[in-house]
Amino acid sequence: MPSQSPHAEPPSRTFDVTRRYVRVRECRDDGFVEFDFSIGDPGLSVELVMSARDYASFCATHHVCQLSDDEAAALDLEQLKWRYGTPGVAE
């Protein structure tokens, strides 16, 4: 697993409807995968759960980009600024 960096840059914030993103939250012991799916902007996502086989098919069908741990950490940090801090602060 790549290391997480709290100062990583979030993925490009340009909205492009041709880009699909996934962020795996958990690979469960019962064979299901919990993940976030985004179209155009990885900061706007829906939470989904699928069997591992269906997840693999879903990712292939949508030609997804897997978010790295650093990209996911940067998105989390950005969302925390909006939720608890001052928007626009770079730190």
PDB file of N, CA and C in Angstrom:
ATOM      1  N   MET A   1       0.822  -1.187   0.000  1.00  0.00           N
ATOM      2  CA  MET A   1       0.000   0.000   0.000  1.00  0.00           C
ATOM      3  C   MET A   1       0.863   1.246   0.000  1.00  0.00           C
ATOM      4  N   PRO A   2       0.583   2.221  -0.841  1.00  0.00           N
ATOM      5  CA  PRO A   2       1.345   3.465  -0.807  1.00  0.00           C
ATOM      6  C   PRO A   2       1.135   4.186   0.516  1.00  0.00           C
ATOM      7  N   SER A   3       2.157   4.917   0.930  1.00  0.00           N
ATOM      8  CA  SER A   3       2.028   5.649   2.191  1.00  0.00           C
ATOM      9  C   SER A   3       1.067   6.811   2.031  1.00  0.00           C
ATOM     10  N   GLN A   4       0.464   7.189   3.151  1.00  0.00           N
ATOM     11  CA  GLN A   4      -0.453   8.322   3.126  1.00  0.00           C
ATOM     12  C   GLN A   4       0.296   9.572   3.541  1.00  0.00           C
ATOM     13  N   SER A   5       0.085  10.632   2.816  1.00  0.00           N
ATOM     14  CA  SER A   5       0.706  11.905   3.121  1.00  0.00           C
ATOM     15  C   SER A   5      -0.381  12.936   3.348  1.00  0.00           C
ATOM     16  N   PRO A   6      -0.397  13.588   4.504  1.00  0.00           N
ATOM     17  CA  PRO A   6      -1.456  14.580   4.760  1.00  0.00           C
ATOM     18  C   PRO A   6      -1.347  15.815   3.883  1.00  0.00           C
ATOM     19  N   HIS A   7      -0.218  15.981   3.163  1.00  0.00           N
ATOM     20  CA  HIS A   7      -0.039  17.167   2.333  1.00  0.00           C
ATOM     21  C   HIS A   7      -0.086  16.859   0.849  1.00  0.00           C
ATOM     22  N   ALA A   8      -0.581  15.685   0.471  1.00  0.00           N
ATOM     23  CA  ALA A   8      -0.697  15.329  -0.947  1.00  0.00           C
ATOM     24  C   ALA A   8      -1.734  16.224  -1.614  1.00  0.00           C
ATOM     25  N   GLU A   9      -1.547  16.448  -2.886  1.00  0.00           N
ATOM     26  CA  GLU A   9      -2.498  17.240  -3.652  1.00  0.00           C
ATOM     27  C   GLU A   9      -3.684  16.373  -4.048  1.00  0.00           C
ATOM     28  N   PRO A  10      -4.916  16.882  -3.963  1.00  0.00           N
ATOM     29  CA  PRO A  10      -6.062  16.107  -4.434  1.00  0.00           C
ATOM     30  C   PRO A  10      -5.986  15.947  -5.946  1.00  0.00           C
ATOM     31  N   PRO A  11      -6.650  14.916  -6.486  1.00  0.00           N
ATOM     32  CA  PRO A  11      -6.669  14.766  -7.939  1.00  0.00           C
ATOM     33  C   PRO A  11      -7.226  16.028  -8.598  1.00  0.00           C
ATOM     34  N   SER A  12      -6.950  16.176  -9.864  1.00  0.00           N
ATOM     35  CA  SER A  12      -7.395  17.355 -10.616  1.00  0.00           C
ATOM     36  C   SER A  12      -8.857  17.659 -10.323  1.00  0.00           C
ATOM     37  N   ARG A  13      -9.165  18.921 -10.071  1.00  0.00           N
ATOM     38  CA  ARG A  13     -10.527  19.322  -9.736  1.00  0.00           C
ATOM     39  C   ARG A  13     -11.303  19.780 -10.967  1.00  0.00           C
ATOM     40  N   THR A  14     -10.756  19.562 -12.165  1.00  0.00           N
ATOM     41  CA  THR A  14     -11.469  19.879 -13.390  1.00  0.00           C
ATOM     42  C   THR A  14     -12.553  18.835 -13.592  1.00  0.00           C
ATOM     43  N   PHE A  15     -13.793  19.264 -13.778  1.00  0.00           N
ATOM     44  CA  PHE A  15     -14.897  18.323 -13.937  1.00  0.00           C
ATOM     45  C   PHE A  15     -14.891  17.780 -15.354  1.00  0.00           C
ATOM     46  N   ASP A  16     -14.671  16.480 -15.478  1.00  0.00           N
ATOM     47  CA  ASP A  16     -14.606  15.797 -16.761  1.00  0.00           C
ATOM     48  C   ASP A  16     -15.497  14.561 -16.679  1.00  0.00           C
ATOM     49  N   VAL A  17     -16.644  14.596 -17.343  1.00  0.00           N
ATOM     50  CA  VAL A  17     -17.628  13.498 -17.229  1.00  0.00           C
ATOM     51  C   VAL A  17     -17.123  12.188 -17.808  1.00  0.00           C
ATOM     52  N   THR A  18     -16.009  12.218 -18.517  1.00  0.00           N
ATOM     53  CA  THR A  18     -15.469  10.967 -19.051  1.00  0.00           C
ATOM     54  C   THR A  18     -14.590  10.242 -18.042  1.00  0.00           C
ATOM     55  N   ARG A  19     -14.238  10.897 -16.950  1.00  0.00           N
ATOM     56  CA  ARG A  19     -13.389  10.287 -15.918  1.00  0.00           C
ATOM     57  C   ARG A  19     -14.253   9.638 -14.846  1.00  0.00           C
ATOM     58  N   ARG A  20     -13.887   8.410 -14.479  1.00  0.00           N
ATOM     59  CA  ARG A  20     -14.579   7.668 -13.414  1.00  0.00           C
ATOM     60  C   ARG A  20     -13.542   7.309 -12.354  1.00  0.00           C
ATOM     61  N   TYR A  21     -13.896   7.461 -11.100  1.00  0.00           N
ATOM     62  CA  TYR A  21     -12.973   7.194 -10.002  1.00  0.00           C
ATOM     63  C   TYR A  21     -13.594   6.207  -9.020  1.00  0.00           C
ATOM     64  N   VAL A  22     -12.749   5.360  -8.434  1.00  0.00           N
ATOM     65  CA  VAL A  22     -13.181   4.515  -7.328  1.00  0.00           C
ATOM     66  C   VAL A  22     -12.169   4.647  -6.202  1.00  0.00           C
ATOM     67  N   ARG A  23     -12.703   4.520  -5.011  1.00  0.00           N
ATOM     68  CA  ARG A  23     -11.894   4.517  -3.799  1.00  0.00           C
ATOM     69  C   ARG A  23     -12.408   3.376  -2.935  1.00  0.00           C
ATOM     70  N   VAL A  24     -11.585   2.353  -2.794  1.00  0.00           N
ATOM     71  CA  VAL A  24     -11.989   1.200  -1.994  1.00  0.00           C
ATOM     72  C   VAL A  24     -11.943   1.585  -0.521  1.00  0.00           C
ATOM     73  N   ARG A  25     -13.044   1.365   0.157  1.00  0.00           N
ATOM     74  CA  ARG A  25     -13.121   1.624   1.598  1.00  0.00           C
ATOM     75  C   ARG A  25     -12.804   0.366   2.402  1.00  0.00           C
ATOM     76  N   GLU A  26     -13.306  -0.789   1.905  1.00  0.00           N
ATOM     77  CA  GLU A  26     -13.069  -2.038   2.640  1.00  0.00           C
ATOM     78  C   GLU A  26     -13.329  -3.232   1.729  1.00  0.00           C
ATOM     79  N   CYS A  27     -12.449  -4.221   1.824  1.00  0.00           N
ATOM     80  CA  CYS A  27     -12.683  -5.535   1.204  1.00  0.00           C
ATOM     81  C   CYS A  27     -13.094  -6.442   2.358  1.00  0.00           C
ATOM     82  N   ARG A  28     -14.364  -6.755   2.412  1.00  0.00           N
ATOM     83  CA  ARG A  28     -14.927  -7.463   3.562  1.00  0.00           C
ATOM     84  C   ARG A  28     -14.643  -8.962   3.506  1.00  0.00           C
ATOM     85  N   ASP A  29     -14.675  -9.601   4.670  1.00  0.00           N
ATOM     86  CA  ASP A  29     -14.441 -11.036   4.778  1.00  0.00           C
ATOM     87  C   ASP A  29     -15.508 -11.856   4.068  1.00  0.00           C
ATOM     88  N   ASP A  30     -16.693 -11.270   3.862  1.00  0.00           N
ATOM     89  CA  ASP A  30     -17.781 -12.018   3.214  1.00  0.00           C
ATOM     90  C   ASP A  30     -17.725 -11.924   1.689  1.00  0.00           C
ATOM     91  N   GLY A  31     -16.635 -11.354   1.139  1.00  0.00           N
ATOM     92  CA  GLY A  31     -16.466 -11.300  -0.308  1.00  0.00           C
ATOM     93  C   GLY A  31     -17.013 -10.060  -0.969  1.00  0.00           C
ATOM     94  N   PHE A  32     -17.471  -9.092  -0.183  1.00  0.00           N
ATOM     95  CA  PHE A  32     -18.002  -7.856  -0.747  1.00  0.00           C
ATOM     96  C   PHE A  32     -16.971  -6.734  -0.635  1.00  0.00           C
ATOM     97  N   VAL A  33     -17.073  -5.785  -1.549  1.00  0.00           N
ATOM     98  CA  VAL A  33     -16.180  -4.626  -1.570  1.00  0.00           C
ATOM     99  C   VAL A  33     -17.027  -3.383  -1.341  1.00  0.00           C
ATOM    100  N   GLU A  34     -16.652  -2.589  -0.348  1.00  0.00           N
ATOM    101  CA  GLU A  34     -17.295  -1.299  -0.103  1.00  0.00           C
ATOM    102  C   GLU A  34     -16.411  -0.239  -0.745  1.00  0.00           C
ATOM    103  N   PHE A  35     -17.000   0.620  -1.577  1.00  0.00           N
ATOM    104  CA  PHE A  35     -16.201   1.614  -2.281  1.00  0.00           C
ATOM    105  C   PHE A  35     -17.015   2.846  -2.604  1.00  0.00           C
ATOM    106  N   ASP A  36     -16.297   3.929  -2.910  1.00  0.00           N
ATOM    107  CA  ASP A  36     -16.894   5.174  -3.377  1.00  0.00           C
ATOM    108  C   ASP A  36     -16.710   5.224  -4.884  1.00  0.00           C
ATOM    109  N   PHE A  37     -17.737   5.682  -5.598  1.00  0.00           N
ATOM    110  CA  PHE A  37     -17.680   5.824  -7.048  1.00  0.00           C
ATOM    111  C   PHE A  37     -17.993   7.261  -7.406  1.00  0.00           C
ATOM    112  N   SER A  38     -17.186   7.830  -8.299  1.00  0.00           N
ATOM    113  CA  SER A  38     -17.352   9.225  -8.709  1.00  0.00           C
ATOM    114  C   SER A  38     -17.288   9.344 -10.218  1.00  0.00           C
ATOM    115  N   ILE A  39     -18.026  10.310 -10.728  1.00  0.00           N
ATOM    116  CA  ILE A  39     -17.942  10.670 -12.146  1.00  0.00           C
ATOM    117  C   ILE A  39     -17.537  12.132 -12.208  1.00  0.00           C
ATOM    118  N   GLY A  40     -16.416  12.397 -12.854  1.00  0.00           N
ATOM    119  CA  GLY A  40     -16.006  13.774 -13.091  1.00  0.00           C
ATOM    120  C   GLY A  40     -15.222  14.431 -11.979  1.00  0.00           C
ATOM    121  N   ASP A  41     -15.555  14.189 -10.746  1.00  0.00           N
ATOM    122  CA  ASP A  41     -14.892  14.821  -9.608  1.00  0.00           C
ATOM    123  C   ASP A  41     -14.844  13.822  -8.461  1.00  0.00           C
ATOM    124  N   PRO A  42     -13.661  13.369  -8.059  1.00  0.00           N
ATOM    125  CA  PRO A  42     -13.573  12.370  -6.994  1.00  0.00           C
ATOM    126  C   PRO A  42     -14.065  12.872  -5.632  1.00  0.00           C
ATOM    127  N   GLY A  43     -14.268  14.181  -5.505  1.00  0.00           N
ATOM    128  CA  GLY A  43     -14.783  14.739  -4.263  1.00  0.00           C
ATOM    129  C   GLY A  43     -16.289  14.584  -4.109  1.00  0.00           C
ATOM    130  N   LEU A  44     -16.972  14.212  -5.180  1.00  0.00           N
ATOM    131  CA  LEU A  44     -18.423  13.994  -5.160  1.00  0.00           C
ATOM    132  C   LEU A  44     -18.667  12.535  -5.498  1.00  0.00           C
ATOM    133  N   SER A  45     -19.054  11.743  -4.516  1.00  0.00           N
ATOM    134  CA  SER A  45     -19.147  10.304  -4.751  1.00  0.00           C
ATOM    135  C   SER A  45     -20.379   9.697  -4.099  1.00  0.00           C
ATOM    136  N   VAL A  46     -20.662   8.473  -4.536  1.00  0.00           N
ATOM    137  CA  VAL A  46     -21.699   7.661  -3.914  1.00  0.00           C
ATOM    138  C   VAL A  46     -21.022   6.426  -3.329  1.00  0.00           C
ATOM    139  N   GLU A  47     -21.570   5.927  -2.245  1.00  0.00           N
ATOM    140  CA  GLU A  47     -21.036   4.724  -1.615  1.00  0.00           C
ATOM    141  C   GLU A  47     -21.761   3.514  -2.187  1.00  0.00           C
ATOM    142  N   LEU A  48     -20.998   2.507  -2.604  1.00  0.00           N
ATOM    143  CA  LEU A  48     -21.565   1.297  -3.169  1.00  0.00           C
ATOM    144  C   LEU A  48     -20.955   0.074  -2.512  1.00  0.00           C
ATOM    145  N   VAL A  49     -21.695  -1.046  -2.580  1.00  0.00           N
ATOM    146  CA  VAL A  49     -21.208  -2.336  -2.096  1.00  0.00           C
ATOM    147  C   VAL A  49     -21.544  -3.371  -3.158  1.00  0.00           C
ATOM    148  N   MET A  50     -20.528  -4.149  -3.565  1.00  0.00           N
ATOM    149  CA  MET A  50     -20.722  -5.193  -4.571  1.00  0.00           C
ATOM    150  C   MET A  50     -19.859  -6.391  -4.215  1.00  0.00           C
ATOM    151  N   SER A  51     -20.223  -7.547  -4.758  1.00  0.00           N
ATOM    152  CA  SER A  51     -19.350  -8.708  -4.610  1.00  0.00           C
ATOM    153  C   SER A  51     -18.037  -8.382  -5.319  1.00  0.00           C
ATOM    154  N   ALA A  52     -16.962  -9.041  -4.939  1.00  0.00           N
ATOM    155  CA  ALA A  52     -15.659  -8.772  -5.541  1.00  0.00           C
ATOM    156  C   ALA A  52     -15.702  -8.994  -7.051  1.00  0.00           C
ATOM    157  N   ARG A  53     -16.394 -10.028  -7.497  1.00  0.00           N
ATOM    158  CA  ARG A  53     -16.495 -10.299  -8.931  1.00  0.00           C
ATOM    159  C   ARG A  53     -17.251  -9.181  -9.645  1.00  0.00           C
ATOM    160  N   ASP A  54     -18.369  -8.745  -9.087  1.00  0.00           N
ATOM    161  CA  ASP A  54     -19.139  -7.650  -9.688  1.00  0.00           C
ATOM    162  C   ASP A  54     -18.359  -6.339  -9.659  1.00  0.00           C
ATOM    163  N   TYR A  55     -17.606  -6.119  -8.591  1.00  0.00           N
ATOM    164  CA  TYR A  55     -16.776  -4.911  -8.486  1.00  0.00           C
ATOM    165  C   TYR A  55     -15.741  -4.881  -9.613  1.00  0.00           C
ATOM    166  N   ALA A  56     -15.072  -5.986  -9.844  1.00  0.00           N
ATOM    167  CA  ALA A  56     -14.069  -6.054 -10.911  1.00  0.00           C
ATOM    168  C   ALA A  56     -14.709  -5.774 -12.270  1.00  0.00           C
ATOM    169  N   SER A  57     -15.884  -6.342 -12.507  1.00  0.00           N
ATOM    170  CA  SER A  57     -16.603  -6.114 -13.769  1.00  0.00           C
ATOM    171  C   SER A  57     -17.024  -4.651 -13.892  1.00  0.00           C
ATOM    172  N   PHE A  58     -17.530  -4.082 -12.812  1.00  0.00           N
ATOM    173  CA  PHE A  58     -17.951  -2.675 -12.773  1.00  0.00           C
ATOM    174  C   PHE A  58     -16.777  -1.762 -13.131  1.00  0.00           C
ATOM    175  N   CYS A  59     -15.616  -2.018 -12.523  1.00  0.00           N
ATOM    176  CA  CYS A  59     -14.435  -1.186 -12.775  1.00  0.00           C
ATOM    177  C   CYS A  59     -13.990  -1.292 -14.231  1.00  0.00           C
ATOM    178  N   ALA A  60     -14.026  -2.497 -14.787  1.00  0.00           N
ATOM    179  CA  ALA A  60     -13.632  -2.691 -16.182  1.00  0.00           C
ATOM    180  C   ALA A  60     -14.616  -1.997 -17.123  1.00  0.00           C
ATOM    181  N   THR A  61     -15.901  -2.120 -16.839  1.00  0.00           N
ATOM    182  CA  THR A  61     -16.928  -1.512 -17.684  1.00  0.00           C
ATOM    183  C   THR A  61     -16.807   0.007 -17.720  1.00  0.00           C
ATOM    184  N   HIS A  62     -16.518   0.604 -16.574  1.00  0.00           N
ATOM    185  CA  HIS A  62     -16.471   2.067 -16.469  1.00  0.00           C
ATOM    186  C   HIS A  62     -15.075   2.648 -16.641  1.00  0.00           C
ATOM    187  N   HIS A  63     -14.072   1.786 -16.878  1.00  0.00           N
ATOM    188  CA  HIS A  63     -12.694   2.248 -17.090  1.00  0.00           C
ATOM    189  C   HIS A  63     -12.274   3.208 -15.975  1.00  0.00           C
ATOM    190  N   VAL A  64     -12.402   2.746 -14.733  1.00  0.00           N
ATOM    191  CA  VAL A  64     -12.179   3.616 -13.580  1.00  0.00           C
ATOM    192  C   VAL A  64     -10.705   3.882 -13.322  1.00  0.00           C
ATOM    193  N   CYS A  65     -10.468   4.968 -12.631  1.00  0.00           N
ATOM    194  CA  CYS A  65      -9.159   5.325 -12.111  1.00  0.00           C
ATOM    195  C   CYS A  65      -9.214   5.070 -10.607  1.00  0.00           C
ATOM    196  N   GLN A  66      -8.334   4.205 -10.099  1.00  0.00           N
ATOM    197  CA  GLN A  66      -8.281   3.935  -8.657  1.00  0.00           C
ATOM    198  C   GLN A  66      -7.566   5.092  -7.973  1.00  0.00           C
ATOM    199  N   LEU A  67      -8.161   5.657  -6.950  1.00  0.00           N
ATOM    200  CA  LEU A  67      -7.488   6.709  -6.195  1.00  0.00           C
ATOM    201  C   LEU A  67      -6.407   6.080  -5.329  1.00  0.00           C
ATOM    202  N   SER A  68      -5.243   6.690  -5.318  1.00  0.00           N
ATOM    203  CA  SER A  68      -4.152   6.227  -4.456  1.00  0.00           C
ATOM    204  C   SER A  68      -4.465   6.613  -3.014  1.00  0.00           C
ATOM    205  N   ASP A  69      -3.714   6.049  -2.097  1.00  0.00           N
ATOM    206  CA  ASP A  69      -3.883   6.421  -0.686  1.00  0.00           C
ATOM    207  C   ASP A  69      -3.602   7.905  -0.479  1.00  0.00           C
ATOM    208  N   ASP A  70      -2.600   8.433  -1.185  1.00  0.00           N
ATOM    209  CA  ASP A  70      -2.270   9.856  -1.051  1.00  0.00           C
ATOM    210  C   ASP A  70      -3.394  10.741  -1.587  1.00  0.00           C
ATOM    211  N   GLU A  71      -3.967  10.360  -2.721  1.00  0.00           N
ATOM    212  CA  GLU A  71      -5.085  11.130  -3.284  1.00  0.00           C
ATOM    213  C   GLU A  71      -6.301  11.074  -2.363  1.00  0.00           C
ATOM    214  N   ALA A  72      -6.572   9.903  -1.807  1.00  0.00           N
ATOM    215  CA  ALA A  72      -7.703   9.748  -0.885  1.00  0.00           C
ATOM    216  C   ALA A  72      -7.489  10.589   0.378  1.00  0.00           C
ATOM    217  N   ALA A  73      -6.267  10.585   0.896  1.00  0.00           N
ATOM    218  CA  ALA A  73      -5.960  11.387   2.095  1.00  0.00           C
ATOM    219  C   ALA A  73      -6.129  12.870   1.802  1.00  0.00           C
ATOM    220  N   ALA A  74      -5.718  13.306   0.617  1.00  0.00           N
ATOM    221  CA  ALA A  74      -5.868  14.719   0.244  1.00  0.00           C
ATOM    222  C   ALA A  74      -7.341  15.097   0.140  1.00  0.00           C
ATOM    223  N   LEU A  75      -8.162  14.202  -0.413  1.00  0.00           N
ATOM    224  CA  LEU A  75      -9.606  14.470  -0.482  1.00  0.00           C
ATOM    225  C   LEU A  75     -10.210  14.558   0.915  1.00  0.00           C
ATOM    226  N   ASP A  76      -9.803  13.637   1.799  1.00  0.00           N
ATOM    227  CA  ASP A  76     -10.302  13.670   3.179  1.00  0.00           C
ATOM    228  C   ASP A  76      -9.936  14.977   3.850  1.00  0.00           C
ATOM    229  N   LEU A  77      -8.712  15.420   3.665  1.00  0.00           N
ATOM    230  CA  LEU A  77      -8.261  16.676   4.272  1.00  0.00           C
ATOM    231  C   LEU A  77      -9.065  17.851   3.743  1.00  0.00           C
ATOM    232  N   GLU A  78      -9.300  17.867   2.435  1.00  0.00           N
ATOM    233  CA  GLU A  78     -10.087  18.944   1.823  1.00  0.00           C
ATOM    234  C   GLU A  78     -11.508  18.973   2.394  1.00  0.00           C
ATOM    235  N   GLN A  79     -12.118  17.799   2.552  1.00  0.00           N
ATOM    236  CA  GLN A  79     -13.481  17.733   3.095  1.00  0.00           C
ATOM    237  C   GLN A  79     -13.510  18.156   4.560  1.00  0.00           C
ATOM    238  N   LEU A  80     -12.460  17.831   5.312  1.00  0.00           N
ATOM    239  CA  LEU A  80     -12.404  18.259   6.710  1.00  0.00           C
ATOM    240  C   LEU A  80     -12.311  19.775   6.825  1.00  0.00           C
ATOM    241  N   LYS A  81     -11.586  20.406   5.904  1.00  0.00           N
ATOM    242  CA  LYS A  81     -11.502  21.877   5.934  1.00  0.00           C
ATOM    243  C   LYS A  81     -12.879  22.485   5.761  1.00  0.00           C
ATOM    244  N   TRP A  82     -13.677  21.922   4.866  1.00  0.00           N
ATOM    245  CA  TRP A  82     -15.017  22.458   4.635  1.00  0.00           C
ATOM    246  C   TRP A  82     -15.936  22.147   5.807  1.00  0.00           C
ATOM    247  N   ARG A  83     -15.743  21.005   6.418  1.00  0.00           N
ATOM    248  CA  ARG A  83     -16.640  20.587   7.490  1.00  0.00           C
ATOM    249  C   ARG A  83     -16.297  21.278   8.812  1.00  0.00           C
ATOM    250  N   TYR A  84     -14.986  21.414   9.101  1.00  0.00           N
ATOM    251  CA  TYR A  84     -14.601  21.891  10.435  1.00  0.00           C
ATOM    252  C   TYR A  84     -13.664  23.090  10.427  1.00  0.00           C
ATOM    253  N   GLY A  85     -13.127  23.454   9.278  1.00  0.00           N
ATOM    254  CA  GLY A  85     -12.121  24.513   9.240  1.00  0.00           C
ATOM    255  C   GLY A  85     -12.544  25.674   8.391  1.00  0.00           C
ATOM    256  N   THR A  86     -11.571  26.317   7.841  1.00  0.00           N
ATOM    257  CA  THR A  86     -11.815  27.473   7.009  1.00  0.00           C
ATOM    258  C   THR A  86     -11.584  27.117   5.552  1.00  0.00           C
ATOM    259  N   PRO A  87     -12.618  27.150   4.707  1.00  0.00           N
ATOM    260  CA  PRO A  87     -12.426  26.860   3.288  1.00  0.00           C
ATOM    261  C   PRO A  87     -11.377  27.782   2.668  1.00  0.00           C
ATOM    262  N   GLY A  88     -10.586  27.223   1.779  1.00  0.00           N
ATOM    263  CA  GLY A  88      -9.568  28.016   1.092  1.00  0.00           C
ATOM    264  C   GLY A  88      -8.223  28.024   1.777  1.00  0.00           C
ATOM    265  N   VAL A  89      -8.140  27.494   2.988  1.00  0.00           N
ATOM    266  CA  VAL A  89      -6.863  27.419   3.677  1.00  0.00           C
ATOM    267  C   VAL A  89      -6.059  26.293   3.055  1.00  0.00           C
ATOM    268  N   ALA A  90      -4.825  26.549   2.711  1.00  0.00           N
ATOM    269  CA  ALA A  90      -4.007  25.563   2.011  1.00  0.00           C
ATOM    270  C   ALA A  90      -3.329  24.570   2.953  1.00  0.00           C
ATOM    271  N   GLU A  91      -3.430  24.723   4.238  1.00  0.00           N
ATOM    272  CA  GLU A  91      -2.759  23.822   5.171  1.00  0.00           C
ATOM    273  C   GLU A  91      -3.759  23.024   5.961  1.00  0.00           C
TER     274      GLU A  91
END
